[in-house]
Amino acid sequence: MGRQAPGGNNVVDGLLRYQAQRQNVELIGFINGVDGLMANDYEVMTKENFANYINLGGYDYIGRGADEIRTPQQKARAMEVASNLGLTGLVLVGATGCMTDSVYLSEYFVSNGCSTHVVMIPATVDGTIHHNYFQSAIGFDTASKLYSQLIGNMLTDSASAVKYWYFIRLMGKEPSILAAECSLKTSPNYVLISEEC
């Protein structure tokens, strides 16, 4: 459900490894995430059709679509599809919005007698997910290290070209935890944090 994050495809790899240790487990992936769930459009996930995506970032294996399951109609449709397919679990991958939706969807399933369990895997480059039960969300560590490497390369280049100014803009949401983390790793001359401007 969430935005692209490093390690997204590795969630599928982990599920396939889980499947290899168990009997009678079938994994299906909804094409383009929530869009596929709503349309009942899915593909059976196997090691063979996943082989080209191992250790690649993002969610390009089955794609991603809408970021939310919030309306009563969306929840009802998710329950209908899960019940018709006999799903014992529905795995959602995403950030804070996805986490909220997964809690409400789980409550909806329980209150309506649906036996499908909702599993939430936190994944975001923003670094905005914190809880005592997990150390970090998928994606933040990789993103901050990669951006820091690029920033460090620019700092090295700028040291030999003193007549130029170098500006680097990082993506992220408020708070700008990703920008702050990269600045701590690279020590640039100046950092503008969007919430402070």
Protein backbone atom coordinates (compact mmCIF):
# COMPACT_ATOMS: atom_id res chain seq x y z
CA MET A 1 0.00 0.00 0.00
CA GLY A 2 2.77 2.43 0.82
CA ARG A 3 5.16 4.41 -1.30
CA GLN A 4 8.27 2.78 -2.76
CA ALA A 5 10.87 1.78 -0.18
CA PRO A 6 14.07 -0.24 -0.35
CA GLY A 7 13.41 -3.80 0.74
CA GLY A 8 9.79 -3.92 -0.43
CA ASN A 9 10.40 -6.87 -2.72
CA ASN A 10 12.34 -8.59 0.06
CA VAL A 11 9.07 -8.88 1.98
CA VAL A 12 7.87 -11.18 -0.80
CA ASP A 13 11.16 -13.09 -0.61
CA GLY A 14 10.59 -13.58 3.12
CA LEU A 15 7.06 -14.83 2.51
CA LEU A 16 8.34 -17.29 -0.12
CA ARG A 17 10.96 -18.54 2.35
CA TYR A 18 8.19 -18.97 4.94
CA GLN A 19 6.19 -20.93 2.37
CA ALA A 20 9.15 -23.25 1.67
CA GLN A 21 9.23 -24.21 5.38
CA ARG A 22 5.53 -25.05 5.55
CA GLN A 23 3.13 -27.32 3.73
CA ASN A 24 -0.11 -26.29 2.09
CA VAL A 25 0.76 -22.59 1.90
CA GLU A 26 -0.15 -20.65 -1.20
CA LEU A 27 0.87 -17.04 -1.65
CA ILE A 28 -0.99 -14.68 -3.93
CA GLY A 29 -0.09 -11.10 -4.75
CA PHE A 30 -2.75 -8.59 -5.65
CA ILE A 31 -1.72 -6.79 -8.83
CA ASN A 32 -1.04 -3.13 -8.04
CA GLY A 33 -1.82 -3.61 -4.36
CA VAL A 34 -5.17 -2.32 -3.18
CA ASP A 35 -6.35 -1.86 -6.79
CA GLY A 36 -5.90 -5.60 -7.34
CA LEU A 37 -7.54 -6.42 -4.03
CA MET A 38 -10.61 -4.38 -4.96
CA ALA A 39 -10.74 -5.93 -8.47
CA ASN A 40 -9.88 -9.47 -7.26
CA ASP A 41 -6.93 -9.37 -9.68
CA TYR A 42 -4.03 -11.45 -8.38
CA GLU A 43 -1.16 -13.72 -9.31
CA VAL A 44 0.14 -16.79 -7.52
CA MET A 45 3.61 -15.91 -6.22
CA THR A 46 6.33 -18.49 -6.76
CA LYS A 47 10.12 -18.55 -6.53
CA GLU A 48 10.22 -18.88 -10.30
CA ASN A 49 8.18 -15.79 -11.19
CA PHE A 50 9.84 -13.79 -8.40
CA ALA A 51 13.45 -14.74 -9.27
CA ASN A 52 14.21 -11.51 -11.19
CA TYR A 53 13.17 -9.29 -8.26
CA ILE A 54 15.24 -10.67 -5.38
CA ASN A 55 17.01 -7.86 -3.47
CA LEU A 56 15.61 -5.12 -5.71
CA GLY A 57 14.06 -2.11 -4.01
CA GLY A 58 10.54 -0.96 -4.59
CA TYR A 59 7.38 -2.88 -5.32
CA ASP A 60 7.70 -3.56 -9.03
CA TYR A 61 7.06 -7.31 -8.73
CA ILE A 62 3.30 -6.96 -8.34
CA GLY A 63 3.13 -3.15 -8.39
CA ARG A 64 1.32 -0.73 -6.15
CA GLY A 65 -1.79 1.34 -6.56
CA ALA A 66 -4.12 3.10 -4.16
CA ASP A 67 -2.69 3.89 -0.73
CA GLU A 68 -5.76 3.34 1.37
CA ILE A 69 -8.50 0.99 2.50
CA ARG A 70 -10.67 3.41 4.45
CA THR A 71 -14.22 3.68 3.20
CA PRO A 72 -16.90 1.22 4.33
CA GLN A 73 -17.18 0.06 0.72
CA GLN A 74 -13.42 -0.63 0.49
CA LYS A 75 -13.43 -2.57 3.75
CA ALA A 76 -16.48 -4.57 2.71
CA ARG A 77 -14.92 -5.38 -0.66
CA ALA A 78 -11.62 -6.40 0.99
CA MET A 79 -13.54 -8.73 3.31
CA GLU A 80 -15.55 -10.16 0.42
CA VAL A 81 -12.42 -10.93 -1.63
CA ALA A 82 -10.56 -12.33 1.39
CA SER A 83 -13.51 -14.56 2.29
CA ASN A 84 -14.08 -15.77 -1.28
CA LEU A 85 -10.40 -16.67 -1.67
CA GLY A 86 -10.27 -18.25 1.79
CA LEU A 87 -7.33 -16.08 2.84
CA THR A 88 -5.97 -16.82 6.29
CA GLY A 89 -3.77 -13.72 6.18
CA LEU A 90 -3.57 -10.41 4.35
CA VAL A 91 -0.12 -8.78 4.43
CA LEU A 92 0.01 -5.00 4.02
CA VAL A 93 3.29 -3.14 3.53
CA GLY A 94 3.49 0.62 4.05
CA ALA A 95 3.99 3.59 6.31
CA THR A 96 1.89 5.35 8.93
CA GLY A 97 -1.27 5.67 6.82
CA CYS A 98 -1.10 2.00 5.93
CA MET A 99 -0.58 1.12 9.58
CA THR A 100 -3.72 3.02 10.55
CA ASP A 101 -5.74 1.43 7.75
CA SER A 102 -4.52 -2.04 8.73
CA VAL A 103 -5.73 -1.57 12.32
CA TYR A 104 -9.18 -0.42 11.19
CA LEU A 105 -9.39 -3.17 8.58
CA SER A 106 -8.44 -5.78 11.18
CA GLU A 107 -11.14 -4.47 13.54
CA TYR A 108 -13.64 -4.52 10.67
CA PHE A 109 -12.78 -8.13 9.86
CA VAL A 110 -13.13 -9.23 13.50
CA SER A 111 -16.41 -7.38 14.05
CA ASN A 112 -17.88 -8.94 10.89
CA GLY A 113 -16.74 -12.50 11.56
CA CYS A 114 -14.04 -12.64 8.89
CA SER A 115 -11.29 -15.12 9.80
CA THR A 116 -8.58 -13.38 7.72
CA HIS A 117 -5.76 -11.98 9.87
CA VAL A 118 -4.27 -8.63 8.85
CA VAL A 119 -0.47 -8.43 9.08
CA MET A 120 1.23 -5.04 8.82
CA ILE A 121 4.88 -4.62 7.77
CA PRO A 122 6.21 -1.08 8.32
CA ALA A 123 8.12 0.28 5.32
CA THR A 124 9.05 3.90 4.68
CA VAL A 125 12.10 5.96 3.81
CA ASP A 126 10.81 8.80 5.99
CA GLY A 127 11.83 7.35 9.35
CA THR A 128 8.53 8.38 10.91
CA ILE A 129 7.60 5.02 12.44
CA HIS A 130 8.75 4.41 16.00
CA HIS A 131 7.58 1.83 18.49
CA ASN A 132 9.10 -0.36 21.18
CA TYR A 133 8.12 -3.53 19.28
CA PHE A 134 10.36 -2.89 16.29
CA GLN A 135 13.66 -1.15 15.79
CA SER A 136 13.14 0.45 12.40
CA ALA A 137 10.88 0.39 9.37
CA ILE A 138 12.03 -1.23 6.15
CA GLY A 139 13.70 1.32 3.90
CA PHE A 140 14.92 4.13 6.17
CA ASP A 141 18.39 2.77 6.90
CA THR A 142 19.08 2.00 3.24
CA ALA A 143 17.73 5.33 2.01
CA SER A 144 19.69 7.38 4.54
CA LYS A 145 22.94 5.55 3.77
CA LEU A 146 22.49 5.83 0.00
CA TYR A 147 21.60 9.53 0.14
CA SER A 148 24.50 10.15 2.51
CA GLN A 149 26.90 8.50 0.06
CA LEU A 150 25.64 10.75 -2.74
CA ILE A 151 25.85 13.83 -0.52
CA GLY A 152 29.37 12.86 0.52
CA ASN A 153 30.36 12.58 -3.15
CA MET A 154 28.98 16.06 -3.79
CA LEU A 155 30.84 17.44 -0.76
CA THR A 156 34.10 16.01 -2.10
CA ASP A 157 33.43 17.52 -5.52
CA SER A 158 32.48 20.89 -4.07
CA ALA A 159 35.72 21.08 -2.09
CA SER A 160 37.64 21.32 -5.37
CA ALA A 161 35.22 23.70 -7.10
CA VAL A 162 34.95 26.56 -4.64
CA LYS A 163 33.33 29.00 -7.03
CA TYR A 164 30.11 26.94 -7.18
CA TRP A 165 27.25 26.36 -4.79
CA TYR A 166 25.82 22.85 -4.50
CA PHE A 167 22.24 22.30 -3.39
CA ILE A 168 20.80 18.89 -2.64
CA ARG A 169 17.12 18.39 -2.00
CA LEU A 170 15.90 15.24 -0.29
CA MET A 171 12.42 13.82 -0.38
CA GLY A 172 10.56 13.18 2.81
CA LYS A 173 7.62 14.15 4.91
CA GLU A 174 7.44 16.25 7.99
CA PRO A 175 9.30 15.83 10.17
CA SER A 176 12.32 15.80 7.90
CA ILE A 177 13.97 12.90 9.69
CA LEU A 178 15.65 11.65 6.50
CA ALA A 179 17.28 15.03 5.84
CA ALA A 180 18.36 15.31 9.47
CA GLU A 181 19.85 11.80 9.47
CA CYS A 182 21.78 12.47 6.25
CA SER A 183 23.11 15.76 7.62
CA LEU A 184 24.32 13.98 10.76
CA LYS A 185 26.14 11.43 8.59
CA THR A 186 27.75 13.94 6.19
CA SER A 187 28.17 17.28 8.06
CA PRO A 188 27.31 19.67 5.21
CA ASN A 189 27.86 23.41 5.60
CA TYR A 190 24.18 24.20 5.94
CA VAL A 191 20.93 22.28 6.28
CA LEU A 192 17.42 23.63 5.77
CA ILE A 193 14.74 21.59 7.50
CA SER A 194 11.36 22.30 5.96
CA GLU A 195 9.48 22.47 9.25
CA GLU A 196 11.84 25.14 10.49
CA CYS A 197 11.54 27.41 7.42
